[in-house]
PDB file of N, CA and C in Angstrom:
ATOM      1  N   UNK A   1       5.763  -2.646   9.794  1.00  0.00           N
ATOM      2  CA  UNK A   1       6.131  -2.314  11.162  1.00  0.00           C
ATOM      3  C   UNK A   1       5.103  -1.342  11.720  1.00  0.00           C
ATOM      4  N   UNK A   2       4.766  -1.539  12.969  1.00  0.00           N
ATOM      5  CA  UNK A   2       3.818  -0.673  13.664  1.00  0.00           C
ATOM      6  C   UNK A   2       4.582   0.315  14.545  1.00  0.00           C
ATOM      7  N   UNK A   3       3.886   1.296  15.072  1.00  0.00           N
ATOM      8  CA  UNK A   3       4.503   2.222  16.022  1.00  0.00           C
ATOM      9  C   UNK A   3       4.656   1.523  17.371  1.00  0.00           C
ATOM     10  N   UNK A   4       3.600   0.851  17.824  1.00  0.00           N
ATOM     11  CA  UNK A   4       3.622   0.141  19.103  1.00  0.00           C
ATOM     12  C   UNK A   4       3.515  -1.360  18.841  1.00  0.00           C
ATOM     13  N   UNK A   5       4.360  -2.121  19.494  1.00  0.00           N
ATOM     14  CA  UNK A   5       4.366  -3.571  19.378  1.00  0.00           C
ATOM     15  C   UNK A   5       5.685  -4.094  19.893  1.00  0.00           C
ATOM     16  N   UNK A   6       5.852  -5.384  19.976  1.00  0.00           N
ATOM     17  CA  UNK A   6       7.142  -5.926  20.421  1.00  0.00           C
ATOM     18  C   UNK A   6       8.267  -5.477  19.478  1.00  0.00           C
ATOM     19  N   UNK A   7       9.350  -5.018  20.030  1.00  0.00           N
ATOM     20  CA  UNK A   7      10.481  -4.600  19.198  1.00  0.00           C
ATOM     21  C   UNK A   7      11.024  -5.805  18.440  1.00  0.00           C
ATOM     22  N   UNK A   8      11.432  -5.607  17.200  1.00  0.00           N
ATOM     23  CA  UNK A   8      11.992  -6.745  16.460  1.00  0.00           C
ATOM     24  C   UNK A   8      13.289  -7.228  17.108  1.00  0.00           C
ATOM     25  N   UNK A   9      13.472  -8.524  17.105  1.00  0.00           N
ATOM     26  CA  UNK A   9      14.710  -9.098  17.643  1.00  0.00           C
ATOM     27  C   UNK A   9      15.850  -8.864  16.654  1.00  0.00           C
ATOM     28  N   UNK A  10      17.047  -8.745  17.178  1.00  0.00           N
ATOM     29  CA  UNK A  10      18.225  -8.631  16.324  1.00  0.00           C
ATOM     30  C   UNK A  10      18.502  -9.966  15.660  1.00  0.00           C
ATOM     31  N   UNK A  11      19.289  -9.955  14.613  1.00  0.00           N
ATOM     32  CA  UNK A  11      19.581 -11.169  13.839  1.00  0.00           C
ATOM     33  C   UNK A  11      20.198 -12.275  14.679  1.00  0.00           C
ATOM     34  N   UNK A  12      20.875 -11.904  15.764  1.00  0.00           N
ATOM     35  CA  UNK A  12      21.565 -12.899  16.582  1.00  0.00           C
ATOM     36  C   UNK A  12      20.834 -13.219  17.892  1.00  0.00           C
ATOM     37  N   UNK A  13      19.590 -12.791  18.035  1.00  0.00           N
ATOM     38  CA  UNK A  13      18.847 -13.003  19.274  1.00  0.00           C
ATOM     39  C   UNK A  13      17.882 -14.187  19.159  1.00  0.00           C
ATOM     40  N   UNK A  14      18.428 -15.333  18.804  1.00  0.00           N
ATOM     41  CA  UNK A  14      17.608 -16.540  18.678  1.00  0.00           C
ATOM     42  C   UNK A  14      16.938 -16.907  20.001  1.00  0.00           C
ATOM     43  N   UNK A  15      17.619 -16.628  21.113  1.00  0.00           N
ATOM     44  CA  UNK A  15      17.046 -16.931  22.424  1.00  0.00           C
ATOM     45  C   UNK A  15      15.814 -16.070  22.705  1.00  0.00           C
ATOM     46  N   UNK A  16      15.835 -14.814  22.288  1.00  0.00           N
ATOM     47  CA  UNK A  16      14.677 -13.937  22.458  1.00  0.00           C
ATOM     48  C   UNK A  16      13.521 -14.393  21.576  1.00  0.00           C
ATOM     49  N   UNK A  17      13.807 -14.748  20.343  1.00  0.00           N
ATOM     50  CA  UNK A  17      12.773 -15.236  19.427  1.00  0.00           C
ATOM     51  C   UNK A  17      12.126 -16.496  19.990  1.00  0.00           C
ATOM     52  N   UNK A  18      12.927 -17.415  20.494  1.00  0.00           N
ATOM     53  CA  UNK A  18      12.404 -18.659  21.067  1.00  0.00           C
ATOM     54  C   UNK A  18      11.548 -18.383  22.297  1.00  0.00           C
ATOM     55  N   UNK A  19      11.985 -17.479  23.140  1.00  0.00           N
ATOM     56  CA  UNK A  19      11.235 -17.148  24.353  1.00  0.00           C
ATOM     57  C   UNK A  19       9.917 -16.455  23.992  1.00  0.00           C
ATOM     58  N   UNK A  20       9.945 -15.578  22.995  1.00  0.00           N
ATOM     59  CA  UNK A  20       8.724 -14.884  22.566  1.00  0.00           C
ATOM     60  C   UNK A  20       7.706 -15.836  21.955  1.00  0.00           C
ATOM     61  N   UNK A  21       8.175 -16.946  21.369  1.00  0.00           N
ATOM     62  CA  UNK A  21       7.257 -17.930  20.804  1.00  0.00           C
ATOM     63  C   UNK A  21       6.303 -18.472  21.868  1.00  0.00           C
ATOM     64  N   UNK A  22       6.770 -18.548  23.096  1.00  0.00           N
ATOM     65  CA  UNK A  22       5.936 -19.038  24.200  1.00  0.00           C
ATOM     66  C   UNK A  22       4.727 -18.133  24.444  1.00  0.00           C
ATOM     67  N   UNK A  23       4.847 -16.865  24.071  1.00  0.00           N
ATOM     68  CA  UNK A  23       3.804 -15.867  24.331  1.00  0.00           C
ATOM     69  C   UNK A  23       3.128 -15.368  23.044  1.00  0.00           C
ATOM     70  N   UNK A  24       3.432 -16.012  21.916  1.00  0.00           N
ATOM     71  CA  UNK A  24       2.893 -15.601  20.608  1.00  0.00           C
ATOM     72  C   UNK A  24       3.276 -14.177  20.229  1.00  0.00           C
ATOM     73  N   UNK A  25       4.354 -13.675  20.779  1.00  0.00           N
ATOM     74  CA  UNK A  25       4.772 -12.301  20.510  1.00  0.00           C
ATOM     75  C   UNK A  25       5.444 -12.147  19.144  1.00  0.00           C
ATOM     76  N   UNK A  26       5.778 -13.243  18.504  1.00  0.00           N
ATOM     77  CA  UNK A  26       6.363 -13.164  17.165  1.00  0.00           C
ATOM     78  C   UNK A  26       5.278 -13.175  16.084  1.00  0.00           C
ATOM     79  N   UNK A  27       4.009 -13.285  16.500  1.00  0.00           N
ATOM     80  CA  UNK A  27       2.904 -13.403  15.554  1.00  0.00           C
ATOM     81  C   UNK A  27       2.237 -12.070  15.217  1.00  0.00           C
ATOM     82  N   UNK A  28       2.728 -10.977  15.801  1.00  0.00           N
ATOM     83  CA  UNK A  28       2.156  -9.656  15.526  1.00  0.00           C
ATOM     84  C   UNK A  28       3.217  -8.772  14.875  1.00  0.00           C
ATOM     85  N   UNK A  29       2.754  -7.668  14.291  1.00  0.00           N
ATOM     86  CA  UNK A  29       3.708  -6.729  13.695  1.00  0.00           C
ATOM     87  C   UNK A  29       4.664  -6.197  14.755  1.00  0.00           C
ATOM     88  N   UNK A  30       5.950  -6.150  14.470  1.00  0.00           N
ATOM     89  CA  UNK A  30       6.884  -5.537  15.411  1.00  0.00           C
ATOM     90  C   UNK A  30       6.654  -4.030  15.456  1.00  0.00           C
ATOM     91  N   UNK A  31       7.099  -3.408  16.520  1.00  0.00           N
ATOM     92  CA  UNK A  31       6.895  -1.973  16.683  1.00  0.00           C
ATOM     93  C   UNK A  31       8.175  -1.223  16.979  1.00  0.00           C
ATOM     94  N   UNK A  32       8.077   0.080  16.861  1.00  0.00           N
ATOM     95  CA  UNK A  32       9.203   0.942  17.195  1.00  0.00           C
ATOM     96  C   UNK A  32       9.431   0.984  18.698  1.00  0.00           C
ATOM     97  N   UNK A  33       8.367   0.824  19.462  1.00  0.00           N
ATOM     98  CA  UNK A  33       8.445   0.773  20.914  1.00  0.00           C
ATOM     99  C   UNK A  33       7.376  -0.188  21.408  1.00  0.00           C
ATOM    100  N   UNK A  34       7.527  -0.648  22.629  1.00  0.00           N
ATOM    101  CA  UNK A  34       6.566  -1.601  23.165  1.00  0.00           C
ATOM    102  C   UNK A  34       6.560  -1.637  24.677  1.00  0.00           C
ATOM    103  N   UNK A  35       5.755  -2.541  25.209  1.00  0.00           N
ATOM    104  CA  UNK A  35       5.575  -2.662  26.649  1.00  0.00           C
ATOM    105  C   UNK A  35       6.885  -3.009  27.369  1.00  0.00           C
ATOM    106  N   UNK A  36       7.697  -3.856  26.777  1.00  0.00           N
ATOM    107  CA  UNK A  36       8.981  -4.207  27.397  1.00  0.00           C
ATOM    108  C   UNK A  36       9.920  -3.000  27.435  1.00  0.00           C
ATOM    109  N   UNK A  37       9.871  -2.158  26.412  1.00  0.00           N
ATOM    110  CA  UNK A  37      10.761  -1.003  26.363  1.00  0.00           C
ATOM    111  C   UNK A  37      10.414   0.020  27.449  1.00  0.00           C
ATOM    112  N   UNK A  38       9.142   0.198  27.737  1.00  0.00           N
ATOM    113  CA  UNK A  38       8.768   1.178  28.753  1.00  0.00           C
ATOM    114  C   UNK A  38       8.869   0.605  30.158  1.00  0.00           C
ATOM    115  N   UNK A  39       9.206  -0.679  30.258  1.00  0.00           N
ATOM    116  CA  UNK A  39       9.351  -1.321  31.560  1.00  0.00           C
ATOM    117  C   UNK A  39      10.758  -1.833  31.816  1.00  0.00           C
ATOM    118  N   UNK A  40      11.757  -1.242  31.194  1.00  0.00           N
ATOM    119  CA  UNK A  40      13.117  -1.632  31.505  1.00  0.00           C
ATOM    120  C   UNK A  40      14.108  -1.579  30.367  1.00  0.00           C
ATOM    121  N   UNK A  41      13.667  -1.609  29.154  1.00  0.00           N
ATOM    122  CA  UNK A  41      14.531  -1.523  27.982  1.00  0.00           C
ATOM    123  C   UNK A  41      15.693  -2.502  28.033  1.00  0.00           C
ATOM    124  N   UNK A  42      16.914  -1.985  27.946  1.00  0.00           N
ATOM    125  CA  UNK A  42      18.119  -2.817  27.861  1.00  0.00           C
ATOM    126  C   UNK A  42      18.444  -3.560  29.155  1.00  0.00           C
ATOM    127  N   UNK A  43      17.859  -3.138  30.264  1.00  0.00           N
ATOM    128  CA  UNK A  43      18.192  -3.738  31.552  1.00  0.00           C
ATOM    129  C   UNK A  43      17.460  -5.063  31.801  1.00  0.00           C
ATOM    130  N   UNK A  44      16.469  -5.378  30.986  1.00  0.00           N
ATOM    131  CA  UNK A  44      15.654  -6.574  31.225  1.00  0.00           C
ATOM    132  C   UNK A  44      16.327  -7.841  30.720  1.00  0.00           C
ATOM    133  N   UNK A  45      16.286  -8.907  31.516  1.00  0.00           N
ATOM    134  CA  UNK A  45      16.743 -10.202  30.994  1.00  0.00           C
ATOM    135  C   UNK A  45      15.732 -10.696  29.955  1.00  0.00           C
ATOM    136  N   UNK A  46      16.183 -11.522  29.050  1.00  0.00           N
ATOM    137  CA  UNK A  46      15.363 -11.974  27.934  1.00  0.00           C
ATOM    138  C   UNK A  46      14.049 -12.630  28.372  1.00  0.00           C
ATOM    139  N   UNK A  47      14.021 -13.496  29.383  1.00  0.00           N
ATOM    140  CA  UNK A  47      12.737 -14.089  29.773  1.00  0.00           C
ATOM    141  C   UNK A  47      11.702 -13.043  30.229  1.00  0.00           C
ATOM    142  N   UNK A  48      12.164 -12.019  30.921  1.00  0.00           N
ATOM    143  CA  UNK A  48      11.248 -10.965  31.385  1.00  0.00           C
ATOM    144  C   UNK A  48      10.779 -10.124  30.201  1.00  0.00           C
ATOM    145  N   UNK A  49      11.691  -9.793  29.306  1.00  0.00           N
ATOM    146  CA  UNK A  49      11.342  -9.015  28.113  1.00  0.00           C
ATOM    147  C   UNK A  49      10.283  -9.754  27.291  1.00  0.00           C
ATOM    148  N   UNK A  50      10.470 -11.050  27.100  1.00  0.00           N
ATOM    149  CA  UNK A  50       9.509 -11.846  26.337  1.00  0.00           C
ATOM    150  C   UNK A  50       8.165 -11.922  27.058  1.00  0.00           C
ATOM    151  N   UNK A  51       8.203 -12.049  28.381  1.00  0.00           N
ATOM    152  CA  UNK A  51       6.959 -12.096  29.152  1.00  0.00           C
ATOM    153  C   UNK A  51       6.193 -10.781  29.025  1.00  0.00           C
ATOM    154  N   UNK A  52       6.894  -9.661  29.070  1.00  0.00           N
ATOM    155  CA  UNK A  52       6.244  -8.359  28.903  1.00  0.00           C
ATOM    156  C   UNK A  52       5.678  -8.206  27.493  1.00  0.00           C
ATOM    157  N   UNK A  53       6.387  -8.715  26.502  1.00  0.00           N
ATOM    158  CA  UNK A  53       5.856  -8.695  25.137  1.00  0.00           C
ATOM    159  C   UNK A  53       4.569  -9.518  25.064  1.00  0.00           C
ATOM    160  N   UNK A  54       4.542 -10.649  25.762  1.00  0.00           N
ATOM    161  CA  UNK A  54       3.342 -11.471  25.813  1.00  0.00           C
ATOM    162  C   UNK A  54       2.194 -10.781  26.536  1.00  0.00           C
ATOM    163  N   UNK A  55       2.530 -10.039  27.584  1.00  0.00           N
ATOM    164  CA  UNK A  55       1.531  -9.256  28.310  1.00  0.00           C
ATOM    165  C   UNK A  55       0.886  -8.229  27.376  1.00  0.00           C
ATOM    166  N   UNK A  56       1.727  -7.594  26.567  1.00  0.00           N
ATOM    167  CA  UNK A  56       1.211  -6.629  25.602  1.00  0.00           C
ATOM    168  C   UNK A  56       0.231  -7.315  24.646  1.00  0.00           C
ATOM    169  N   UNK A  57       0.586  -8.494  24.152  1.00  0.00           N
ATOM    170  CA  UNK A  57      -0.259  -9.226  23.215  1.00  0.00           C
ATOM    171  C   UNK A  57      -1.621  -9.516  23.852  1.00  0.00           C
ATOM    172  N   UNK A  58      -1.618  -9.930  25.119  1.00  0.00           N
ATOM    173  CA  UNK A  58      -2.870 -10.238  25.821  1.00  0.00           C
ATOM    174  C   UNK A  58      -3.766  -9.016  25.966  1.00  0.00           C
ATOM    175  N   UNK A  59      -3.159  -7.848  26.212  1.00  0.00           N
ATOM    176  CA  UNK A  59      -3.920  -6.630  26.492  1.00  0.00           C
ATOM    177  C   UNK A  59      -3.979  -5.678  25.298  1.00  0.00           C
ATOM    178  N   UNK A  60      -3.544  -6.125  24.144  1.00  0.00           N
ATOM    179  CA  UNK A  60      -3.397  -5.256  22.981  1.00  0.00           C
ATOM    180  C   UNK A  60      -4.721  -4.571  22.619  1.00  0.00           C
ATOM    181  N   UNK A  61      -4.732  -3.243  22.780  1.00  0.00           N
ATOM    182  CA  UNK A  61      -5.867  -2.423  22.387  1.00  0.00           C
ATOM    183  C   UNK A  61      -5.395  -0.967  22.265  1.00  0.00           C
ATOM    184  N   UNK A  62      -6.276  -0.097  21.867  1.00  0.00           N
ATOM    185  CA  UNK A  62      -5.904   1.290  21.641  1.00  0.00           C
ATOM    186  C   UNK A  62      -5.390   1.957  22.918  1.00  0.00           C
ATOM    187  N   UNK A  63      -6.054   1.703  24.046  1.00  0.00           N
ATOM    188  CA  UNK A  63      -5.642   2.309  25.319  1.00  0.00           C
ATOM    189  C   UNK A  63      -4.227   1.870  25.706  1.00  0.00           C
ATOM    190  N   UNK A  64      -3.917   0.590  25.489  1.00  0.00           N
ATOM    191  CA  UNK A  64      -2.572   0.079  25.795  1.00  0.00           C
ATOM    192  C   UNK A  64      -1.542   0.752  24.899  1.00  0.00           C
ATOM    193  N   UNK A  65      -1.874   0.943  23.627  1.00  0.00           N
ATOM    194  CA  UNK A  65      -0.959   1.607  22.701  1.00  0.00           C
ATOM    195  C   UNK A  65      -0.706   3.052  23.112  1.00  0.00           C
ATOM    196  N   UNK A  66      -1.758   3.750  23.525  1.00  0.00           N
ATOM    197  CA  UNK A  66      -1.605   5.142  23.977  1.00  0.00           C
ATOM    198  C   UNK A  66      -0.722   5.191  25.220  1.00  0.00           C
ATOM    199  N   UNK A  67      -0.948   4.264  26.145  1.00  0.00           N
ATOM    200  CA  UNK A  67      -0.135   4.191  27.371  1.00  0.00           C
ATOM    201  C   UNK A  67       1.337   3.957  27.023  1.00  0.00           C
ATOM    202  N   UNK A  68       1.605   3.008  26.123  1.00  0.00           N
ATOM    203  CA  UNK A  68       2.984   2.730  25.693  1.00  0.00           C
ATOM    204  C   UNK A  68       3.607   3.959  25.037  1.00  0.00           C
ATOM    205  N   UNK A  69       2.834   4.642  24.211  1.00  0.00           N
ATOM    206  CA  UNK A  69       3.342   5.814  23.502  1.00  0.00           C
ATOM    207  C   UNK A  69       3.818   6.885  24.481  1.00  0.00           C
ATOM    208  N   UNK A  70       2.965   7.244  25.444  1.00  0.00           N
ATOM    209  CA  UNK A  70       3.336   8.300  26.380  1.00  0.00           C
ATOM    210  C   UNK A  70       4.411   7.859  27.368  1.00  0.00           C
ATOM    211  N   UNK A  71       4.400   6.595  27.757  1.00  0.00           N
ATOM    212  CA  UNK A  71       5.478   6.092  28.619  1.00  0.00           C
ATOM    213  C   UNK A  71       6.806   6.046  27.866  1.00  0.00           C
ATOM    214  N   UNK A  72       6.759   5.830  26.556  1.00  0.00           N
ATOM    215  CA  UNK A  72       7.974   5.861  25.742  1.00  0.00           C
ATOM    216  C   UNK A  72       8.575   7.261  25.737  1.00  0.00           C
ATOM    217  N   UNK A  73       7.733   8.258  25.558  1.00  0.00           N
ATOM    218  CA  UNK A  73       8.221   9.648  25.573  1.00  0.00           C
ATOM    219  C   UNK A  73       8.876   9.948  26.915  1.00  0.00           C
ATOM    220  N   UNK A  74       8.206   9.574  27.998  1.00  0.00           N
ATOM    221  CA  UNK A  74       8.765   9.791  29.346  1.00  0.00           C
ATOM    222  C   UNK A  74      10.092   9.054  29.511  1.00  0.00           C
ATOM    223  N   UNK A  75      10.132   7.807  29.055  1.00  0.00           N
ATOM    224  CA  UNK A  75      11.326   6.979  29.190  1.00  0.00           C
ATOM    225  C   UNK A  75      12.501   7.537  28.390  1.00  0.00           C
ATOM    226  N   UNK A  76      12.233   7.999  27.190  1.00  0.00           N
ATOM    227  CA  UNK A  76      13.293   8.561  26.344  1.00  0.00           C
ATOM    228  C   UNK A  76      13.848   9.843  26.959  1.00  0.00           C
ATOM    229  N   UNK A  77      12.972  10.700  27.437  1.00  0.00           N
ATOM    230  CA  UNK A  77      13.417  11.965  28.033  1.00  0.00           C
ATOM    231  C   UNK A  77      14.277  11.719  29.266  1.00  0.00           C
ATOM    232  N   UNK A  78      13.890  10.731  30.069  1.00  0.00           N
ATOM    233  CA  UNK A  78      14.640  10.470  31.307  1.00  0.00           C
ATOM    234  C   UNK A  78      15.746   9.437  31.127  1.00  0.00           C
ATOM    235  N   UNK A  79      15.880   8.848  29.920  1.00  0.00           N
ATOM    236  CA  UNK A  79      16.886   7.813  29.620  1.00  0.00           C
ATOM    237  C   UNK A  79      16.766   6.600  30.532  1.00  0.00           C
ATOM    238  N   UNK A  80      15.554   6.294  30.975  1.00  0.00           N
ATOM    239  CA  UNK A  80      15.326   5.126  31.837  1.00  0.00           C
ATOM    240  C   UNK A  80      15.711   3.838  31.133  1.00  0.00           C
ATOM    241  N   UNK A  81      16.480   2.993  31.797  1.00  0.00           N
ATOM    242  CA  UNK A  81      16.781   1.666  31.300  1.00  0.00           C
ATOM    243  C   UNK A  81      17.805   1.582  30.192  1.00  0.00           C
ATOM    244  N   UNK A  82      18.465   2.668  29.877  1.00  0.00           N
ATOM    245  CA  UNK A  82      19.460   2.634  28.811  1.00  0.00           C
ATOM    246  C   UNK A  82      20.795   2.242  29.408  1.00  0.00           C
ATOM    247  N   UNK A  83      21.411   1.199  28.861  1.00  0.00           N
ATOM    248  CA  UNK A  83      22.713   0.783  29.378  1.00  0.00           C
ATOM    249  C   UNK A  83      23.777   0.764  28.288  1.00  0.00           C
ATOM    250  N   UNK A  84      23.384   0.627  27.049  1.00  0.00           N
ATOM    251  CA  UNK A  84      24.334   0.524  25.955  1.00  0.00           C
ATOM    252  C   UNK A  84      24.841   1.909  25.551  1.00  0.00           C
ATOM    253  N   UNK A  85      26.137   2.044  25.339  1.00  0.00           N
ATOM    254  CA  UNK A  85      26.700   3.298  24.858  1.00  0.00           C
ATOM    255  C   UNK A  85      26.881   4.366  25.922  1.00  0.00           C
ATOM    256  N   UNK A  86      26.674   4.035  27.191  1.00  0.00           N
ATOM    257  CA  UNK A  86      26.824   5.005  28.262  1.00  0.00           C
ATOM    258  C   UNK A  86      28.010   4.608  29.125  1.00  0.00           C
ATOM    259  N   UNK A  87      28.777   5.597  29.552  1.00  0.00           N
ATOM    260  CA  UNK A  87      29.802   5.346  30.557  1.00  0.00           C
ATOM    261  C   UNK A  87      30.015   6.616  31.356  1.00  0.00           C
ATOM    262  N   UNK A  88      30.645   6.496  32.506  1.00  0.00           N
ATOM    263  CA  UNK A  88      30.812   7.642  33.410  1.00  0.00           C
ATOM    264  C   UNK A  88      31.663   8.741  32.795  1.00  0.00           C
ATOM    265  N   UNK A  89      32.579   8.408  31.913  1.00  0.00           N
ATOM    266  CA  UNK A  89      33.431   9.425  31.288  1.00  0.00           C
ATOM    267  C   UNK A  89      32.608  10.395  30.464  1.00  0.00           C
ATOM    268  N   UNK A  90      31.550   9.920  29.820  1.00  0.00           N
ATOM    269  CA  UNK A  90      30.716  10.768  28.980  1.00  0.00           C
ATOM    270  C   UNK A  90      29.741  11.613  29.789  1.00  0.00           C
ATOM    271  N   UNK A  91      29.528  11.280  31.055  1.00  0.00           N
ATOM    272  CA  UNK A  91      28.553  11.980  31.866  1.00  0.00           C
ATOM    273  C   UNK A  91      28.936  13.440  32.081  1.00  0.00           C
ATOM    274  N   UNK A  92      30.243  13.749  32.218  1.00  0.00           N
ATOM    275  CA  UNK A  92      30.682  15.113  32.506  1.00  0.00           C
ATOM    276  C   UNK A  92      30.801  15.971  31.260  1.00  0.00           C
ATOM    277  N   UNK A  93      30.669  15.396  30.086  1.00  0.00           N
ATOM    278  CA  UNK A  93      30.847  16.157  28.856  1.00  0.00           C
ATOM    279  C   UNK A  93      29.568  16.792  28.411  1.00  0.00           C
TER     280      UNK A  93
END
């Protein structure tokens, strides 16, 4: 596993794996974070997520990895694109 690269699909995400095949995104090491994560995370529909993973593959270089790394830090701090595990009841606590 790499630090930057397409996030691994879950065991039940056959549709994501199939969509990523169109962009050769399953042919590289998966990463802890990637281009799709810094551009929407959980809010992205699968076709868009796969397309962004393919975009990363096309532009894959050190500069792109550095950009993903720092955008990941920004995204995590601001909780951009996180939808799972959040609800309004927890906001006031």
